[in-house]
Amino acid sequence: MRLAMDEAMIQEAAQVLAARLKNLLDDGMARSFTLSRDEVVLALGFTESVSDLLTQSMAAAPAMRVRA
């Protein structure tokens, strides 16, 4: 399942996900975390979009040569 996300959606997803994860981590007594289905879908779409952007960026960058 791939979700197409534009730049604004990626930024919003990152902010929402970061806030949710920070809240979970700030609860120092919690030994485990539960995410809703919507949060998992958001995280999945965000990570897939970041992966796509990085793949495109790496493909567009000129190959680097290492001098011996």
Protein backbone atom coordinates (compact mmCIF):
# COMPACT_ATOMS: atom_id res chain seq x y z
CA MET A 1 0.00 0.00 0.00
CA ARG A 2 1.75 3.19 -1.19
CA LEU A 3 0.35 6.57 -0.31
CA ALA A 4 1.21 9.51 -2.55
CA MET A 5 2.00 12.56 -0.45
CA ASP A 6 2.97 16.05 -1.58
CA GLU A 7 5.52 18.20 0.26
CA ALA A 8 2.94 19.91 2.49
CA MET A 9 1.41 16.57 3.45
CA ILE A 10 4.85 15.15 4.25
CA GLN A 11 5.68 18.13 6.45
CA GLU A 12 2.34 17.94 8.26
CA ALA A 13 2.68 14.17 8.72
CA ALA A 14 6.16 14.61 10.15
CA GLN A 15 4.97 17.24 12.63
CA VAL A 16 1.94 15.24 13.75
CA LEU A 17 3.90 12.02 14.05
CA ALA A 18 6.76 13.72 15.90
CA ALA A 19 4.34 15.29 18.38
CA ARG A 20 2.59 11.97 19.00
CA LEU A 21 5.85 10.07 19.46
CA LYS A 22 7.23 12.80 21.76
CA ASN A 23 4.10 12.57 23.91
CA LEU A 24 4.50 8.80 24.13
CA LEU A 25 8.18 9.05 25.02
CA ASP A 26 7.55 11.80 27.60
CA ASP A 27 5.38 9.31 29.49
CA GLY A 28 8.41 7.74 31.14
CA MET A 29 6.34 5.10 32.92
CA ALA A 30 5.09 3.51 29.71
CA ARG A 31 6.89 0.29 28.80
CA SER A 32 5.18 0.00 25.43
CA PHE A 33 3.28 2.24 23.05
CA THR A 34 0.10 1.76 21.09
CA LEU A 35 -0.57 3.69 17.90
CA SER A 36 -3.96 3.98 16.26
CA ARG A 37 -4.51 2.67 12.75
CA ASP A 38 -4.64 6.27 11.50
CA GLU A 39 -1.27 7.00 13.13
CA VAL A 40 0.26 3.92 11.55
CA VAL A 41 -1.13 4.89 8.12
CA LEU A 42 0.28 8.39 8.62
CA ALA A 43 3.68 7.03 9.64
CA LEU A 44 3.71 4.61 6.72
CA GLY A 45 2.84 7.32 4.20
CA PHE A 46 5.47 9.61 5.69
CA THR A 47 8.27 7.05 5.66
CA GLU A 48 7.43 5.91 2.12
CA SER A 49 7.43 9.51 0.91
CA VAL A 50 10.77 10.24 2.56
CA SER A 51 12.19 7.08 1.02
CA ASP A 52 10.91 8.13 -2.41
CA LEU A 53 12.39 11.61 -2.03
CA LEU A 54 15.76 10.22 -0.98
CA THR A 55 15.76 7.74 -3.85
CA GLN A 56 14.98 10.51 -6.34
CA SER A 57 17.63 12.77 -4.80
CA MET A 58 20.29 10.06 -4.97
CA ALA A 59 19.38 9.20 -8.58
CA ALA A 60 19.63 12.86 -9.61
CA ALA A 61 22.98 13.46 -7.86
CA PRO A 62 26.12 12.92 -9.96
CA ALA A 63 28.15 9.87 -9.07
CA MET A 64 30.94 10.61 -6.63
CA ARG A 65 34.42 9.40 -7.32
CA VAL A 66 36.72 8.31 -4.55
CA ARG A 67 40.36 9.12 -5.11
CA ALA A 68 42.84 6.39 -4.26
